[in-house]
Amino acid sequence: MKVAALAGGVGGAKLVDGISRLNGAPEMTVIVNTGDDFSLFGLWISPDLDTVCYNLAGLENQATGWGRDQESWETFQEIQALGGPDWFQLGGKDLATHLERTRRLGAGQPLSQITADFCKAWGVQSAVIPMSDDPVPTLVETDQGILTFQEYFVKLGCEPEVKGFEFHNVEKSRPAPGVLDAIQAADLVLICPSNPWVSIDPILAVPGIRSALGSKTVLGVSPIICGEAVKGPAAKMYREMGIQPSAGAVAAHYGDLLDGFVIDDLDRDLQEDILSAWNGSLTLFHTNIWMKTRADRVAVAENIIAVGSSLVKEV
């Protein structure tokens, strides 16, 4: 089975890492959100891309899910001592990634090629492609004004109240080379348990991607369990947008894109309401989707791929 996974953030990174570690792992292409990319100290930083790649390479900080393992902080500490901006942590190993990415971008290489080269250097077996080679920065409309995503997420700790989102210049962007081909070739498109608002929606907003999913078998995995996000501000965003956060709200968010949807075992009591809202047109599954350890990732991935295989046969 060929899988195209839409991913961003730690939840998506953990699931695709689990899938890549399965015995007889499916052929997988991971299409990653780049709406949270930004420039700092003149360096181009791609947080979601790096999180996905580091996890697939087994290089991530397992305590946080992002950043590098056994990181060094001398440069960051010197920046602090000099009074420089220290709201975004840059470890020494991570800094090397941003330096080399920026050098190559300055030489005219596209982000997709740079990412492929990095993955090869790190021994990543799955294909990883940014959603676009064009910058599409996510802007967050808040009660404190319009903020770039990293200002909202890291600098202000998700504290401002969210009122909406804008994917700047997305209408002028194009899918990165290989994105539409991967979707077309996939037996299953997997929407990972990533933040729907700021990890998945930017991918779907790139012209041509959402429409390419219309003819595919699409399985979504909820990032919300018992009304709370496993990690990150998704549930807070739902509440501030006037929507009660739940697995059902996530399913409704993706709407008719979905053929199937996976909720956690702890949300089994939501099944009847979700199915009723869909008038029987959605295939619903429940399983454990918590991923605290690397072994959890593999176990969850095994269940998700089994569910996806059954859905492909059913559809």
C-alpha atoms as a PDB file:
ATOM      1  CA  MET A   1       0.000   0.000   0.000  1.00  0.00           C
ATOM      2  CA  LYS A   2       1.193   3.496  -0.871  1.00  0.00           C
ATOM      3  CA  VAL A   3       0.454   6.226   1.672  1.00  0.00           C
ATOM      4  CA  ALA A   4       0.538   9.999   1.324  1.00  0.00           C
ATOM      5  CA  ALA A   5       0.506  11.554   4.795  1.00  0.00           C
ATOM      6  CA  LEU A   6      -0.339  15.197   5.476  1.00  0.00           C
ATOM      7  CA  ALA A   7       1.550  16.207   8.605  1.00  0.00           C
ATOM      8  CA  GLY A   8       2.807  18.986  10.814  1.00  0.00           C
ATOM      9  CA  GLY A   9       3.908  19.311  14.405  1.00  0.00           C
ATOM     10  CA  VAL A  10       4.800  16.656  16.939  1.00  0.00           C
ATOM     11  CA  GLY A  11       1.653  14.505  16.580  1.00  0.00           C
ATOM     12  CA  GLY A  12       2.087  14.100  12.856  1.00  0.00           C
ATOM     13  CA  ALA A  13       5.816  13.493  13.220  1.00  0.00           C
ATOM     14  CA  LYS A  14       5.273  10.746  15.783  1.00  0.00           C
ATOM     15  CA  LEU A  15       2.721   8.904  13.657  1.00  0.00           C
ATOM     16  CA  VAL A  16       4.737   8.942  10.431  1.00  0.00           C
ATOM     17  CA  ASP A  17       7.795   7.832  12.419  1.00  0.00           C
ATOM     18  CA  GLY A  18       5.777   4.915  13.771  1.00  0.00           C
ATOM     19  CA  ILE A  19       4.613   3.988  10.283  1.00  0.00           C
ATOM     20  CA  SER A  20       8.168   4.084   8.951  1.00  0.00           C
ATOM     21  CA  ARG A  21       9.255   1.603  11.647  1.00  0.00           C
ATOM     22  CA  LEU A  22       6.629  -1.041  10.868  1.00  0.00           C
ATOM     23  CA  ASN A  23       7.707  -4.418   9.579  1.00  0.00           C
ATOM     24  CA  GLY A  24       6.767  -4.294   5.918  1.00  0.00           C
ATOM     25  CA  ALA A  25       6.150  -0.543   6.199  1.00  0.00           C
ATOM     26  CA  PRO A  26       4.059   0.909   3.380  1.00  0.00           C
ATOM     27  CA  GLU A  27       5.699   3.157   0.827  1.00  0.00           C
ATOM     28  CA  MET A  28       5.099   6.584   2.319  1.00  0.00           C
ATOM     29  CA  THR A  29       5.425  10.188   1.224  1.00  0.00           C
ATOM     30  CA  VAL A  30       4.999  12.816   3.941  1.00  0.00           C
ATOM     31  CA  ILE A  31       3.679  16.190   2.781  1.00  0.00           C
ATOM     32  CA  VAL A  32       4.565  18.734   5.449  1.00  0.00           C
ATOM     33  CA  ASN A  33       3.165  22.101   6.474  1.00  0.00           C
ATOM     34  CA  THR A  34       5.505  25.036   5.917  1.00  0.00           C
ATOM     35  CA  GLY A  35       3.132  27.776   7.074  1.00  0.00           C
ATOM     36  CA  ASP A  36       5.129  28.142  10.287  1.00  0.00           C
ATOM     37  CA  ASP A  37       8.435  28.743   8.457  1.00  0.00           C
ATOM     38  CA  PHE A  38      10.088  32.045   9.343  1.00  0.00           C
ATOM     39  CA  SER A  39      13.352  33.970   9.352  1.00  0.00           C
ATOM     40  CA  LEU A  40      15.437  34.625  12.474  1.00  0.00           C
ATOM     41  CA  PHE A  41      19.007  35.971  12.583  1.00  0.00           C
ATOM     42  CA  GLY A  42      18.826  35.886   8.782  1.00  0.00           C
ATOM     43  CA  LEU A  43      18.279  32.119   8.855  1.00  0.00           C
ATOM     44  CA  TRP A  44      15.344  30.321   7.258  1.00  0.00           C
ATOM     45  CA  ILE A  45      13.761  28.028   9.841  1.00  0.00           C
ATOM     46  CA  SER A  46      11.248  25.303   8.932  1.00  0.00           C
ATOM     47  CA  PRO A  47      10.010  23.961  12.281  1.00  0.00           C
ATOM     48  CA  ASP A  48       7.460  21.405  11.063  1.00  0.00           C
ATOM     49  CA  LEU A  49       9.736  20.081   8.334  1.00  0.00           C
ATOM     50  CA  ASP A  50      12.566  19.699  10.818  1.00  0.00           C
ATOM     51  CA  THR A  51      10.357  18.031  13.427  1.00  0.00           C
ATOM     52  CA  VAL A  52       9.133  15.477  10.902  1.00  0.00           C
ATOM     53  CA  CYS A  53      12.617  14.821   9.518  1.00  0.00           C
ATOM     54  CA  TYR A  54      14.325  14.596  12.912  1.00  0.00           C
ATOM     55  CA  ASN A  55      11.707  12.096  14.111  1.00  0.00           C
ATOM     56  CA  LEU A  56      11.971   9.958  10.986  1.00  0.00           C
ATOM     57  CA  ALA A  57      15.756   9.989  11.381  1.00  0.00           C
ATOM     58  CA  GLY A  58      15.573   9.083  15.078  1.00  0.00           C
ATOM     59  CA  LEU A  59      17.405  12.313  15.912  1.00  0.00           C
ATOM     60  CA  GLU A  60      14.650  14.124  17.808  1.00  0.00           C
ATOM     61  CA  ASN A  61      14.625  15.160  21.436  1.00  0.00           C
ATOM     62  CA  GLN A  62      12.336  12.463  22.793  1.00  0.00           C
ATOM     63  CA  ALA A  63      11.327  14.554  25.803  1.00  0.00           C
ATOM     64  CA  THR A  64       9.868  17.333  23.637  1.00  0.00           C
ATOM     65  CA  GLY A  65       9.280  15.643  20.276  1.00  0.00           C
ATOM     66  CA  TRP A  66      10.973  18.607  18.550  1.00  0.00           C
ATOM     67  CA  GLY A  67      14.564  19.755  18.306  1.00  0.00           C
ATOM     68  CA  ARG A  68      17.622  17.508  18.353  1.00  0.00           C
ATOM     69  CA  ASP A  69      18.717  14.906  20.849  1.00  0.00           C
ATOM     70  CA  GLN A  70      21.853  15.529  22.930  1.00  0.00           C
ATOM     71  CA  GLU A  71      21.735  19.153  21.852  1.00  0.00           C
ATOM     72  CA  SER A  72      24.339  21.797  22.727  1.00  0.00           C
ATOM     73  CA  TRP A  73      23.389  25.347  23.698  1.00  0.00           C
ATOM     74  CA  GLU A  74      26.617  27.393  23.721  1.00  0.00           C
ATOM     75  CA  THR A  75      25.616  29.657  20.826  1.00  0.00           C
ATOM     76  CA  PHE A  76      22.138  30.229  22.239  1.00  0.00           C
ATOM     77  CA  GLN A  77      23.609  31.085  25.652  1.00  0.00           C
ATOM     78  CA  GLU A  78      25.996  33.577  24.057  1.00  0.00           C
ATOM     79  CA  ILE A  79      23.084  35.200  22.219  1.00  0.00           C
ATOM     80  CA  GLN A  80      21.306  35.559  25.562  1.00  0.00           C
ATOM     81  CA  ALA A  81      24.409  37.048  27.189  1.00  0.00           C
ATOM     82  CA  LEU A  82      24.654  39.626  24.401  1.00  0.00           C
ATOM     83  CA  GLY A  83      21.020  40.642  24.838  1.00  0.00           C
ATOM     84  CA  GLY A  84      19.815  39.131  21.568  1.00  0.00           C
ATOM     85  CA  PRO A  85      16.336  37.683  21.019  1.00  0.00           C
ATOM     86  CA  ASP A  86      16.112  34.436  22.945  1.00  0.00           C
ATOM     87  CA  TRP A  87      12.437  33.548  22.628  1.00  0.00           C
ATOM     88  CA  PHE A  88      13.120  30.856  20.001  1.00  0.00           C
ATOM     89  CA  GLN A  89      15.597  28.220  21.158  1.00  0.00           C
ATOM     90  CA  LEU A  90      18.329  27.359  18.678  1.00  0.00           C
ATOM     91  CA  GLY A  91      20.603  24.485  19.640  1.00  0.00           C
ATOM     92  CA  GLY A  92      23.948  23.923  17.977  1.00  0.00           C
ATOM     93  CA  LYS A  93      22.911  20.889  15.911  1.00  0.00           C
ATOM     94  CA  ASP A  94      19.625  22.526  14.936  1.00  0.00           C
ATOM     95  CA  LEU A  95      21.498  25.699  14.011  1.00  0.00           C
ATOM     96  CA  ALA A  96      23.587  23.743  11.512  1.00  0.00           C
ATOM     97  CA  THR A  97      20.384  22.688   9.734  1.00  0.00           C
ATOM     98  CA  HIS A  98      19.191  26.281   9.433  1.00  0.00           C
ATOM     99  CA  LEU A  99      22.583  27.578   8.317  1.00  0.00           C
ATOM    100  CA  GLU A 100      22.910  25.042   5.516  1.00  0.00           C
ATOM    101  CA  ARG A 101      19.269  25.436   4.455  1.00  0.00           C
ATOM    102  CA  THR A 102      19.687  29.205   4.250  1.00  0.00           C
ATOM    103  CA  ARG A 103      22.930  28.906   2.281  1.00  0.00           C
ATOM    104  CA  ARG A 104      21.292  26.624  -0.262  1.00  0.00           C
ATOM    105  CA  LEU A 105      18.160  28.763  -0.553  1.00  0.00           C
ATOM    106  CA  GLY A 106      20.419  31.753  -1.192  1.00  0.00           C
ATOM    107  CA  ALA A 107      22.117  29.777  -3.951  1.00  0.00           C
ATOM    108  CA  GLY A 108      18.732  29.312  -5.630  1.00  0.00           C
ATOM    109  CA  GLN A 109      17.943  25.740  -4.602  1.00  0.00           C
ATOM    110  CA  PRO A 110      14.260  25.000  -3.834  1.00  0.00           C
ATOM    111  CA  LEU A 111      13.195  23.943  -0.346  1.00  0.00           C
ATOM    112  CA  SER A 112      11.946  20.585  -1.660  1.00  0.00           C
ATOM    113  CA  GLN A 113      15.368  19.643  -3.053  1.00  0.00           C
ATOM    114  CA  ILE A 114      17.136  20.818   0.096  1.00  0.00           C
ATOM    115  CA  THR A 115      14.771  18.736   2.219  1.00  0.00           C
ATOM    116  CA  ALA A 116      15.360  15.657   0.067  1.00  0.00           C
ATOM    117  CA  ASP A 117      19.134  16.105   0.410  1.00  0.00           C
ATOM    118  CA  PHE A 118      18.897  16.515   4.182  1.00  0.00           C
ATOM    119  CA  CYS A 119      16.756  13.381   4.452  1.00  0.00           C
ATOM    120  CA  LYS A 120      19.322  11.416   2.471  1.00  0.00           C
ATOM    121  CA  ALA A 121      22.111  12.653   4.762  1.00  0.00           C
ATOM    122  CA  TRP A 122      20.086  11.685   7.849  1.00  0.00           C
ATOM    123  CA  GLY A 123      19.149   8.254   6.505  1.00  0.00           C
ATOM    124  CA  VAL A 124      15.417   8.943   6.234  1.00  0.00           C
ATOM    125  CA  GLN A 125      13.797   6.262   4.083  1.00  0.00           C
ATOM    126  CA  SER A 126      10.402   7.886   3.502  1.00  0.00           C
ATOM    127  CA  ALA A 127      10.009  10.739   1.041  1.00  0.00           C
ATOM    128  CA  VAL A 128       9.435  14.086   2.786  1.00  0.00           C
ATOM    129  CA  ILE A 129       8.170  17.031   0.725  1.00  0.00           C
ATOM    130  CA  PRO A 130       7.231  20.554   1.849  1.00  0.00           C
ATOM    131  CA  MET A 131       3.715  21.500   0.818  1.00  0.00           C
ATOM    132  CA  SER A 132       5.172  24.235  -1.415  1.00  0.00           C
ATOM    133  CA  ASP A 133       8.510  25.734  -2.391  1.00  0.00           C
ATOM    134  CA  ASP A 134       6.807  29.127  -2.165  1.00  0.00           C
ATOM    135  CA  PRO A 135       6.647  30.908   1.215  1.00  0.00           C
ATOM    136  CA  VAL A 136       3.098  30.753   2.609  1.00  0.00           C
ATOM    137  CA  PRO A 137       3.356  32.228   6.115  1.00  0.00           C
ATOM    138  CA  THR A 138       0.506  31.531   8.511  1.00  0.00           C
ATOM    139  CA  LEU A 139      -0.794  34.723  10.137  1.00  0.00           C
ATOM    140  CA  VAL A 140      -2.879  34.437  13.288  1.00  0.00           C
ATOM    141  CA  GLU A 141      -5.631  36.995  13.817  1.00  0.00           C
ATOM    142  CA  THR A 142      -5.820  37.623  17.578  1.00  0.00           C
ATOM    143  CA  ASP A 143      -7.096  40.061  20.172  1.00  0.00           C
ATOM    144  CA  GLN A 144      -3.554  41.486  20.131  1.00  0.00           C
ATOM    145  CA  GLY A 145      -3.544  42.042  16.391  1.00  0.00           C
ATOM    146  CA  ILE A 146      -2.205  39.969  13.504  1.00  0.00           C
ATOM    147  CA  LEU A 147       0.774  37.834  14.524  1.00  0.00           C
ATOM    148  CA  THR A 148       3.072  35.535  12.634  1.00  0.00           C
ATOM    149  CA  PHE A 149       2.595  31.965  13.758  1.00  0.00           C
ATOM    150  CA  GLN A 150       5.876  31.709  15.670  1.00  0.00           C
ATOM    151  CA  GLU A 151       5.186  35.002  17.458  1.00  0.00           C
ATOM    152  CA  TYR A 152       1.840  33.596  18.571  1.00  0.00           C
ATOM    153  CA  PHE A 153       3.000  30.042  19.270  1.00  0.00           C
ATOM    154  CA  VAL A 154       6.455  30.471  20.800  1.00  0.00           C
ATOM    155  CA  LYS A 155       7.058  34.115  21.709  1.00  0.00           C
ATOM    156  CA  LEU A 156       3.632  34.651  23.291  1.00  0.00           C
ATOM    157  CA  GLY A 157       3.020  31.030  24.305  1.00  0.00           C
ATOM    158  CA  CYS A 158      -0.371  30.796  22.520  1.00  0.00           C
ATOM    159  CA  GLU A 159      -1.779  33.270  25.055  1.00  0.00           C
ATOM    160  CA  PRO A 160      -3.570  35.690  22.676  1.00  0.00           C
ATOM    161  CA  GLU A 161      -7.175  34.861  21.855  1.00  0.00           C
ATOM    162  CA  VAL A 162      -7.496  33.528  18.317  1.00  0.00           C
ATOM    163  CA  LYS A 163     -10.038  35.057  15.955  1.00  0.00           C
ATOM    164  CA  GLY A 164      -8.956  33.588  12.621  1.00  0.00           C
ATOM    165  CA  PHE A 165      -6.115  32.592  10.317  1.00  0.00           C
ATOM    166  CA  GLU A 166      -4.648  33.785   7.036  1.00  0.00           C
ATOM    167  CA  PHE A 167      -2.257  31.859   4.813  1.00  0.00           C
ATOM    168  CA  HIS A 168      -0.471  34.778   3.217  1.00  0.00           C
ATOM    169  CA  ASN A 169      -0.006  34.609  -0.562  1.00  0.00           C
ATOM    170  CA  VAL A 170      -1.311  31.029  -0.655  1.00  0.00           C
ATOM    171  CA  GLU A 171      -3.357  31.765  -3.764  1.00  0.00           C
ATOM    172  CA  LYS A 172      -0.081  32.451  -5.623  1.00  0.00           C
ATOM    173  CA  SER A 173       1.660  29.319  -4.365  1.00  0.00           C
ATOM    174  CA  ARG A 174       2.070  25.982  -6.109  1.00  0.00           C
ATOM    175  CA  PRO A 175       2.449  22.496  -4.660  1.00  0.00           C
ATOM    176  CA  ALA A 176       6.088  21.495  -4.395  1.00  0.00           C
ATOM    177  CA  PRO A 177       7.313  19.050  -7.059  1.00  0.00           C
ATOM    178  CA  GLY A 178       6.156  15.556  -6.189  1.00  0.00           C
ATOM    179  CA  VAL A 179       3.234  16.550  -3.970  1.00  0.00           C
ATOM    180  CA  LEU A 180       0.428  15.980  -6.463  1.00  0.00           C
ATOM    181  CA  ASP A 181       2.166  12.922  -7.902  1.00  0.00           C
ATOM    182  CA  ALA A 182       2.382  11.387  -4.410  1.00  0.00           C
ATOM    183  CA  ILE A 183      -1.303  12.031  -3.778  1.00  0.00           C
ATOM    184  CA  GLN A 184      -2.266  10.628  -7.164  1.00  0.00           C
ATOM    185  CA  ALA A 185      -0.200   7.470  -6.625  1.00  0.00           C
ATOM    186  CA  ALA A 186      -1.417   6.894  -3.055  1.00  0.00           C
ATOM    187  CA  ASP A 187      -3.852   4.158  -2.160  1.00  0.00           C
ATOM    188  CA  LEU A 188      -4.505   5.987   1.109  1.00  0.00           C
ATOM    189  CA  VAL A 189      -4.191   9.650   2.056  1.00  0.00           C
ATOM    190  CA  LEU A 190      -3.666   9.981   5.788  1.00  0.00           C
ATOM    191  CA  ILE A 191      -4.428  13.208   7.622  1.00  0.00           C
ATOM    192  CA  CYS A 192      -2.212  12.883  10.673  1.00  0.00           C
ATOM    193  CA  PRO A 193      -3.191  13.893  14.226  1.00  0.00           C
ATOM    194  CA  SER A 194      -1.889  17.393  13.634  1.00  0.00           C
ATOM    195  CA  ASN A 195      -3.506  20.740  14.438  1.00  0.00           C
ATOM    196  CA  PRO A 196      -6.311  21.131  11.852  1.00  0.00           C
ATOM    197  CA  TRP A 197      -6.149  24.937  11.874  1.00  0.00           C
ATOM    198  CA  VAL A 198      -2.427  25.588  11.488  1.00  0.00           C
ATOM    199  CA  SER A 199      -0.808  22.301  10.429  1.00  0.00           C
ATOM    200  CA  ILE A 200      -3.284  20.744   7.977  1.00  0.00           C
ATOM    201  CA  ASP A 201      -5.333  23.705   6.681  1.00  0.00           C
ATOM    202  CA  PRO A 202      -2.241  25.442   5.212  1.00  0.00           C
ATOM    203  CA  ILE A 203      -1.470  22.301   3.202  1.00  0.00           C
ATOM    204  CA  LEU A 204      -5.051  22.023   1.973  1.00  0.00           C
ATOM    205  CA  ALA A 205      -5.063  25.720   1.033  1.00  0.00           C
ATOM    206  CA  VAL A 206      -2.257  25.372  -1.526  1.00  0.00           C
ATOM    207  CA  PRO A 207      -4.016  25.417  -4.902  1.00  0.00           C
ATOM    208  CA  GLY A 208      -4.506  21.940  -6.332  1.00  0.00           C
ATOM    209  CA  ILE A 209      -3.967  19.915  -3.165  1.00  0.00           C
ATOM    210  CA  ARG A 210      -7.480  19.817  -1.736  1.00  0.00           C
ATOM    211  CA  SER A 211      -9.013  19.100  -5.132  1.00  0.00           C
ATOM    212  CA  ALA A 212      -6.499  16.278  -5.671  1.00  0.00           C
ATOM    213  CA  LEU A 213      -7.915  14.538  -2.592  1.00  0.00           C
ATOM    214  CA  GLY A 214     -11.418  14.405  -4.054  1.00  0.00           C
ATOM    215  CA  SER A 215     -10.885  11.079  -5.786  1.00  0.00           C
ATOM    216  CA  LYS A 216      -8.740   9.506  -3.042  1.00  0.00           C
ATOM    217  CA  THR A 217      -9.477   7.396   0.005  1.00  0.00           C
ATOM    218  CA  VAL A 218      -8.819   9.749   2.921  1.00  0.00           C
ATOM    219  CA  LEU A 219      -8.441   8.703   6.551  1.00  0.00           C
ATOM    220  CA  GLY A 220      -8.151  11.291   9.313  1.00  0.00           C
ATOM    221  CA  VAL A 221      -6.822  10.771  12.832  1.00  0.00           C
ATOM    222  CA  SER A 222      -8.063  12.978  15.660  1.00  0.00           C
ATOM    223  CA  PRO A 223      -5.517  15.136  17.505  1.00  0.00           C
ATOM    224  CA  ILE A 224      -8.095  15.750  20.240  1.00  0.00           C
ATOM    225  CA  ILE A 225      -8.905  13.213  22.959  1.00  0.00           C
ATOM    226  CA  CYS A 226     -11.582  13.815  25.598  1.00  0.00           C
ATOM    227  CA  GLY A 227     -11.966  17.420  24.477  1.00  0.00           C
ATOM    228  CA  GLU A 228      -8.286  18.341  24.812  1.00  0.00           C
ATOM    229  CA  ALA A 229      -5.390  18.409  22.367  1.00  0.00           C
ATOM    230  CA  VAL A 230      -2.775  15.761  22.979  1.00  0.00           C
ATOM    231  CA  LYS A 231      -0.208  18.525  22.427  1.00  0.00           C
ATOM    232  CA  GLY A 232      -0.432  22.143  21.366  1.00  0.00           C
ATOM    233  CA  PRO A 233      -3.197  24.760  21.163  1.00  0.00           C
ATOM    234  CA  ALA A 234      -5.753  23.056  18.891  1.00  0.00           C
ATOM    235  CA  ALA A 235      -8.442  22.709  21.569  1.00  0.00           C
ATOM    236  CA  LYS A 236      -7.892  26.304  22.717  1.00  0.00           C
ATOM    237  CA  MET A 237      -8.248  27.473  19.120  1.00  0.00           C
ATOM    238  CA  TYR A 238     -11.529  25.587  18.703  1.00  0.00           C
ATOM    239  CA  ARG A 239     -12.957  27.154  21.866  1.00  0.00           C
ATOM    240  CA  GLU A 240     -11.899  30.653  20.858  1.00  0.00           C
ATOM    241  CA  MET A 241     -13.426  30.144  17.421  1.00  0.00           C
ATOM    242  CA  GLY A 242     -16.726  29.300  19.123  1.00  0.00           C
ATOM    243  CA  ILE A 243     -16.555  25.532  18.610  1.00  0.00           C
ATOM    244  CA  GLN A 244     -16.592  22.952  21.402  1.00  0.00           C
ATOM    245  CA  PRO A 245     -13.358  20.984  20.940  1.00  0.00           C
ATOM    246  CA  SER A 246     -13.853  17.274  20.370  1.00  0.00           C
ATOM    247  CA  ALA A 247     -12.952  14.485  18.008  1.00  0.00           C
ATOM    248  CA  GLY A 248     -16.289  15.128  16.330  1.00  0.00           C
ATOM    249  CA  ALA A 249     -15.395  18.775  15.779  1.00  0.00           C
ATOM    250  CA  VAL A 250     -12.191  17.695  14.029  1.00  0.00           C
ATOM    251  CA  ALA A 251     -14.122  15.330  11.753  1.00  0.00           C
ATOM    252  CA  ALA A 252     -16.551  18.126  10.932  1.00  0.00           C
ATOM    253  CA  HIS A 253     -13.607  20.438  10.222  1.00  0.00           C
ATOM    254  CA  TYR A 254     -12.430  18.193   7.378  1.00  0.00           C
ATOM    255  CA  GLY A 255     -15.957  17.524   6.179  1.00  0.00           C
ATOM    256  CA  ASP A 256     -16.472  15.668   2.929  1.00  0.00           C
ATOM    257  CA  LEU A 257     -12.740  15.126   2.437  1.00  0.00           C
ATOM    258  CA  LEU A 258     -12.982  12.170   4.812  1.00  0.00           C
ATOM    259  CA  ASP A 259     -13.901   8.607   4.007  1.00  0.00           C
ATOM    260  CA  GLY A 260     -12.818   7.392   7.428  1.00  0.00           C
ATOM    261  CA  PHE A 261     -11.889   8.862  10.776  1.00  0.00           C
ATOM    262  CA  VAL A 262     -10.057   7.472  13.807  1.00  0.00           C
ATOM    263  CA  ILE A 263     -10.880   8.530  17.363  1.00  0.00           C
ATOM    264  CA  ASP A 264      -9.312   7.383  20.605  1.00  0.00           C
ATOM    265  CA  ASP A 265     -10.802   4.539  22.634  1.00  0.00           C
ATOM    266  CA  LEU A 266     -11.526   7.080  25.379  1.00  0.00           C
ATOM    267  CA  ASP A 267     -13.934   8.858  22.997  1.00  0.00           C
ATOM    268  CA  ARG A 268     -15.995   5.784  22.135  1.00  0.00           C
ATOM    269  CA  ASP A 269     -19.075   7.448  23.612  1.00  0.00           C
ATOM    270  CA  LEU A 270     -18.925  10.020  20.782  1.00  0.00           C
ATOM    271  CA  GLN A 271     -19.416   7.439  18.045  1.00  0.00           C
ATOM    272  CA  GLU A 272     -23.182   7.648  17.796  1.00  0.00           C
ATOM    273  CA  ASP A 273     -23.228  11.455  17.622  1.00  0.00           C
ATOM    274  CA  ILE A 274     -20.451  11.590  15.020  1.00  0.00           C
ATOM    275  CA  LEU A 275     -22.065   8.956  12.816  1.00  0.00           C
ATOM    276  CA  SER A 276     -25.448  10.656  13.153  1.00  0.00           C
ATOM    277  CA  ALA A 277     -23.957  13.963  12.003  1.00  0.00           C
ATOM    278  CA  TRP A 278     -22.554  12.228   8.931  1.00  0.00           C
ATOM    279  CA  ASN A 279     -25.740  10.327   8.069  1.00  0.00           C
ATOM    280  CA  GLY A 280     -23.785   7.113   7.746  1.00  0.00           C
ATOM    281  CA  SER A 281     -21.414   8.449   5.083  1.00  0.00           C
ATOM    282  CA  LEU A 282     -18.309   8.238   7.318  1.00  0.00           C
ATOM    283  CA  THR A 283     -16.580   5.055   8.440  1.00  0.00           C
ATOM    284  CA  LEU A 284     -15.554   5.554  12.064  1.00  0.00           C
ATOM    285  CA  PHE A 285     -12.890   3.631  13.940  1.00  0.00           C
ATOM    286  CA  HIS A 286     -11.643   3.785  17.501  1.00  0.00           C
ATOM    287  CA  THR A 287      -8.304   2.645  18.844  1.00  0.00           C
ATOM    288  CA  ASN A 288      -5.604   3.902  21.174  1.00  0.00           C
ATOM    289  CA  ILE A 289      -3.921   6.918  19.564  1.00  0.00           C
ATOM    290  CA  TRP A 290      -1.742   8.087  22.479  1.00  0.00           C
ATOM    291  CA  MET A 291       1.947   8.012  21.563  1.00  0.00           C
ATOM    292  CA  LYS A 292       4.111   8.567  24.628  1.00  0.00           C
ATOM    293  CA  THR A 293       6.992   6.249  23.716  1.00  0.00           C
ATOM    294  CA  ARG A 294       8.581   5.068  20.482  1.00  0.00           C
ATOM    295  CA  ALA A 295       6.962   1.674  21.064  1.00  0.00           C
ATOM    296  CA  ASP A 296       3.598   3.462  21.316  1.00  0.00           C
ATOM    297  CA  ARG A 297       4.231   5.084  17.955  1.00  0.00           C
ATOM    298  CA  VAL A 298       4.739   1.726  16.280  1.00  0.00           C
ATOM    299  CA  ALA A 299       1.697   0.185  17.977  1.00  0.00           C
ATOM    300  CA  VAL A 300      -0.544   3.097  17.019  1.00  0.00           C
ATOM    301  CA  ALA A 301       0.858   3.129  13.483  1.00  0.00           C
ATOM    302  CA  GLU A 302       0.150  -0.577  13.107  1.00  0.00           C
ATOM    303  CA  ASN A 303      -3.480   0.007  14.089  1.00  0.00           C
ATOM    304  CA  ILE A 304      -3.835   3.024  11.819  1.00  0.00           C
ATOM    305  CA  ILE A 305      -2.400   1.221   8.799  1.00  0.00           C
ATOM    306  CA  ALA A 306      -4.670  -1.770   9.484  1.00  0.00           C
ATOM    307  CA  VAL A 307      -7.629   0.590   9.627  1.00  0.00           C
ATOM    308  CA  GLY A 308      -6.472   2.326   6.446  1.00  0.00           C
ATOM    309  CA  SER A 309      -6.099  -1.004   4.627  1.00  0.00           C
ATOM    310  CA  SER A 310      -9.627  -2.020   5.542  1.00  0.00           C
ATOM    311  CA  LEU A 311     -10.944   1.359   4.455  1.00  0.00           C
ATOM    312  CA  VAL A 312      -9.198   1.130   1.084  1.00  0.00           C
ATOM    313  CA  LYS A 313     -10.778  -2.273   0.486  1.00  0.00           C
ATOM    314  CA  GLU A 314     -14.162  -1.011   1.646  1.00  0.00           C
ATOM    315  CA  VAL A 315     -14.131   2.099  -0.513  1.00  0.00           C
END
